[in-house]
């Protein structure tokens, strides 16, 4: 968005909606980590995927999934 331009798009939402939206994003990112863990296990069977998933979790600033990806 370019606030300098008069035709710049604007998104308006009530402040009370933000916590729920952010919680949804966090759930989606956690679900992505579970999928990434399963993908890495399937495609990199000779490697420990935990460091990869932990690095993704740190980069996304969310908790890494616990347990085996096959159990989720």
N, C-alpha and C. Protein backbone atom coordinates (compact mmCIF):
# COMPACT_ATOMS: atom_id res chain seq x y z
N UNK A 1 0.85 -1.17 0.00
CA UNK A 1 0.00 0.00 0.00
C UNK A 1 0.89 1.24 0.00
N UNK A 2 0.51 2.19 -0.78
CA UNK A 2 1.25 3.44 -0.86
C UNK A 2 0.34 4.54 -0.33
N UNK A 3 0.58 4.97 0.91
CA UNK A 3 -0.29 5.96 1.54
C UNK A 3 -0.19 7.33 0.89
N UNK A 4 0.83 7.52 0.08
CA UNK A 4 1.01 8.79 -0.60
C UNK A 4 0.05 8.96 -1.78
N UNK A 5 -0.45 7.83 -2.29
CA UNK A 5 -1.32 7.87 -3.48
C UNK A 5 -2.79 7.93 -3.07
N UNK A 6 -3.55 8.81 -3.67
CA UNK A 6 -4.97 8.91 -3.29
C UNK A 6 -5.79 7.67 -3.71
N UNK A 7 -5.32 6.90 -4.69
CA UNK A 7 -6.07 5.73 -5.13
C UNK A 7 -5.57 4.44 -4.47
N UNK A 8 -4.74 4.57 -3.43
CA UNK A 8 -4.21 3.41 -2.73
C UNK A 8 -5.34 2.68 -2.00
N UNK A 9 -5.38 1.34 -2.08
CA UNK A 9 -6.44 0.60 -1.38
C UNK A 9 -6.27 0.72 0.13
N UNK A 10 -7.39 0.70 0.82
CA UNK A 10 -7.41 0.82 2.28
C UNK A 10 -8.24 -0.31 2.84
N UNK A 11 -7.74 -0.94 3.88
CA UNK A 11 -8.50 -1.97 4.59
C UNK A 11 -8.81 -1.42 5.97
N UNK A 12 -10.06 -1.40 6.30
CA UNK A 12 -10.50 -0.92 7.60
C UNK A 12 -11.16 -2.06 8.35
N UNK A 13 -10.74 -2.26 9.60
CA UNK A 13 -11.37 -3.27 10.42
C UNK A 13 -11.35 -2.81 11.85
N UNK A 14 -12.31 -3.29 12.63
CA UNK A 14 -12.34 -2.87 14.03
C UNK A 14 -11.17 -3.50 14.79
N UNK A 15 -10.62 -2.75 15.74
CA UNK A 15 -9.47 -3.24 16.52
C UNK A 15 -9.83 -4.52 17.25
N UNK A 16 -11.06 -4.70 17.66
CA UNK A 16 -11.46 -5.90 18.40
C UNK A 16 -11.41 -7.16 17.52
N UNK A 17 -11.37 -6.99 16.21
CA UNK A 17 -11.30 -8.15 15.31
C UNK A 17 -9.88 -8.67 15.16
N UNK A 18 -8.89 -7.85 15.45
CA UNK A 18 -7.50 -8.22 15.23
C UNK A 18 -7.03 -9.44 16.04
N UNK A 19 -7.32 -9.54 17.34
CA UNK A 19 -6.85 -10.72 18.08
C UNK A 19 -7.35 -12.05 17.49
N UNK A 20 -8.57 -12.11 17.09
CA UNK A 20 -9.11 -13.33 16.49
C UNK A 20 -8.45 -13.65 15.16
N UNK A 21 -8.20 -12.61 14.37
CA UNK A 21 -7.54 -12.80 13.08
C UNK A 21 -6.11 -13.30 13.28
N UNK A 22 -5.40 -12.72 14.24
CA UNK A 22 -4.03 -13.14 14.52
C UNK A 22 -3.98 -14.56 15.06
N UNK A 23 -4.96 -14.94 15.88
CA UNK A 23 -5.03 -16.31 16.38
C UNK A 23 -5.24 -17.28 15.22
N UNK A 24 -6.05 -16.90 14.26
CA UNK A 24 -6.26 -17.73 13.08
C UNK A 24 -4.99 -17.91 12.27
N UNK A 25 -4.23 -16.84 12.14
CA UNK A 25 -2.95 -16.91 11.42
C UNK A 25 -2.00 -17.86 12.15
N UNK A 26 -1.96 -17.75 13.47
CA UNK A 26 -1.08 -18.63 14.26
C UNK A 26 -1.49 -20.09 14.09
N UNK A 27 -2.78 -20.38 14.09
CA UNK A 27 -3.26 -21.76 13.86
C UNK A 27 -2.84 -22.24 12.47
N UNK A 28 -2.99 -21.38 11.48
CA UNK A 28 -2.61 -21.76 10.12
C UNK A 28 -1.12 -22.04 10.00
N UNK A 29 -0.30 -21.22 10.65
CA UNK A 29 1.14 -21.44 10.62
C UNK A 29 1.53 -22.74 11.34
N UNK A 30 0.87 -23.02 12.46
CA UNK A 30 1.13 -24.27 13.18
C UNK A 30 0.73 -25.47 12.31
N UNK A 31 -0.38 -25.37 11.61
CA UNK A 31 -0.80 -26.45 10.71
C UNK A 31 0.20 -26.60 9.56
N UNK A 32 0.72 -25.50 9.07
CA UNK A 32 1.75 -25.56 8.03
C UNK A 32 2.98 -26.32 8.52
N UNK A 33 3.39 -26.07 9.76
CA UNK A 33 4.56 -26.77 10.31
C UNK A 33 4.32 -28.27 10.38
N UNK A 34 3.12 -28.67 10.74
CA UNK A 34 2.79 -30.09 10.78
C UNK A 34 2.90 -30.68 9.37
N UNK A 35 2.35 -29.98 8.40
CA UNK A 35 2.44 -30.45 7.01
C UNK A 35 3.88 -30.47 6.52
N UNK A 36 4.66 -29.45 6.86
CA UNK A 36 6.07 -29.40 6.46
C UNK A 36 6.84 -30.56 7.08
N UNK A 37 6.54 -30.88 8.31
CA UNK A 37 7.19 -32.00 8.99
C UNK A 37 6.88 -33.32 8.28
N UNK A 38 5.62 -33.51 7.94
CA UNK A 38 5.23 -34.72 7.21
C UNK A 38 5.87 -34.78 5.83
N UNK A 39 5.91 -33.66 5.15
CA UNK A 39 6.53 -33.61 3.82
C UNK A 39 8.01 -33.96 3.92
N UNK A 40 8.70 -33.33 4.88
CA UNK A 40 10.14 -33.58 5.03
C UNK A 40 10.40 -35.04 5.39
N UNK A 41 9.57 -35.63 6.24
CA UNK A 41 9.74 -37.04 6.59
C UNK A 41 9.59 -37.94 5.38
N UNK A 42 8.64 -37.61 4.52
CA UNK A 42 8.37 -38.43 3.34
C UNK A 42 9.44 -38.24 2.25
N UNK A 43 9.95 -37.03 2.12
CA UNK A 43 10.88 -36.73 1.03
C UNK A 43 12.35 -36.76 1.43
N UNK A 44 12.61 -36.75 2.72
CA UNK A 44 13.98 -36.79 3.21
C UNK A 44 14.11 -37.89 4.27
N UNK A 45 13.80 -39.15 3.90
CA UNK A 45 13.73 -40.22 4.90
C UNK A 45 15.05 -40.51 5.59
N UNK A 46 16.16 -40.14 5.01
CA UNK A 46 17.47 -40.41 5.61
C UNK A 46 17.97 -39.27 6.49
N UNK A 47 17.14 -38.27 6.72
CA UNK A 47 17.56 -37.09 7.48
C UNK A 47 16.65 -36.87 8.68
N UNK A 48 17.21 -36.26 9.72
CA UNK A 48 16.43 -35.85 10.88
C UNK A 48 15.71 -34.54 10.52
N UNK A 49 14.40 -34.57 10.48
CA UNK A 49 13.65 -33.38 10.05
C UNK A 49 13.41 -32.40 11.20
N UNK A 50 13.65 -32.82 12.44
CA UNK A 50 13.38 -31.93 13.57
C UNK A 50 14.12 -30.60 13.48
N UNK A 51 15.40 -30.58 13.11
CA UNK A 51 16.08 -29.27 13.00
C UNK A 51 15.47 -28.37 11.91
N UNK A 52 15.00 -28.98 10.84
CA UNK A 52 14.38 -28.19 9.76
C UNK A 52 13.07 -27.58 10.25
N UNK A 53 12.26 -28.39 10.91
CA UNK A 53 10.97 -27.91 11.42
C UNK A 53 11.20 -26.86 12.51
N UNK A 54 12.20 -27.08 13.37
CA UNK A 54 12.51 -26.10 14.41
C UNK A 54 12.95 -24.77 13.80
N UNK A 55 13.74 -24.84 12.74
CA UNK A 55 14.17 -23.61 12.06
C UNK A 55 12.98 -22.88 11.45
N UNK A 56 12.09 -23.62 10.83
CA UNK A 56 10.87 -23.00 10.29
C UNK A 56 10.05 -22.36 11.39
N UNK A 57 9.91 -23.05 12.51
CA UNK A 57 9.14 -22.52 13.63
C UNK A 57 9.75 -21.22 14.14
N UNK A 58 11.08 -21.19 14.25
CA UNK A 58 11.74 -19.95 14.68
C UNK A 58 11.53 -18.83 13.67
N UNK A 59 11.65 -19.15 12.40
CA UNK A 59 11.47 -18.13 11.36
C UNK A 59 10.06 -17.57 11.35
N UNK A 60 9.09 -18.45 11.63
CA UNK A 60 7.69 -18.02 11.62
C UNK A 60 7.23 -17.53 12.99
N UNK A 61 8.09 -17.68 14.00
CA UNK A 61 7.80 -17.26 15.37
C UNK A 61 6.55 -17.95 15.92
N UNK A 62 6.50 -19.28 15.71
CA UNK A 62 5.42 -20.11 16.27
C UNK A 62 6.06 -21.33 16.92
N UNK A 63 5.30 -22.03 17.75
CA UNK A 63 5.80 -23.23 18.41
C UNK A 63 5.90 -24.36 17.42
N UNK A 64 6.99 -25.12 17.53
CA UNK A 64 7.16 -26.29 16.68
C UNK A 64 6.18 -27.37 17.12
N UNK A 65 5.66 -28.17 16.18
CA UNK A 65 4.76 -29.26 16.54
C UNK A 65 5.52 -30.29 17.37
N UNK A 66 4.80 -30.95 18.26
CA UNK A 66 5.42 -31.99 19.07
C UNK A 66 4.97 -33.36 18.59
N UNK A 67 5.83 -34.32 18.75
CA UNK A 67 5.48 -35.69 18.35
C UNK A 67 5.78 -35.95 16.90
N UNK A 68 5.58 -37.18 16.54
CA UNK A 68 5.83 -37.63 15.17
C UNK A 68 4.83 -37.02 14.21
N UNK A 69 5.28 -36.64 13.00
CA UNK A 69 4.33 -36.09 12.03
C UNK A 69 3.30 -37.13 11.60
N UNK A 70 3.64 -38.41 11.75
CA UNK A 70 2.69 -39.44 11.36
C UNK A 70 1.58 -39.60 12.39
N UNK A 71 1.80 -39.10 13.61
CA UNK A 71 0.80 -39.22 14.66
C UNK A 71 -0.19 -38.07 14.60
N UNK A 72 0.09 -37.06 13.77
CA UNK A 72 -0.77 -35.88 13.73
C UNK A 72 -1.76 -35.94 12.62
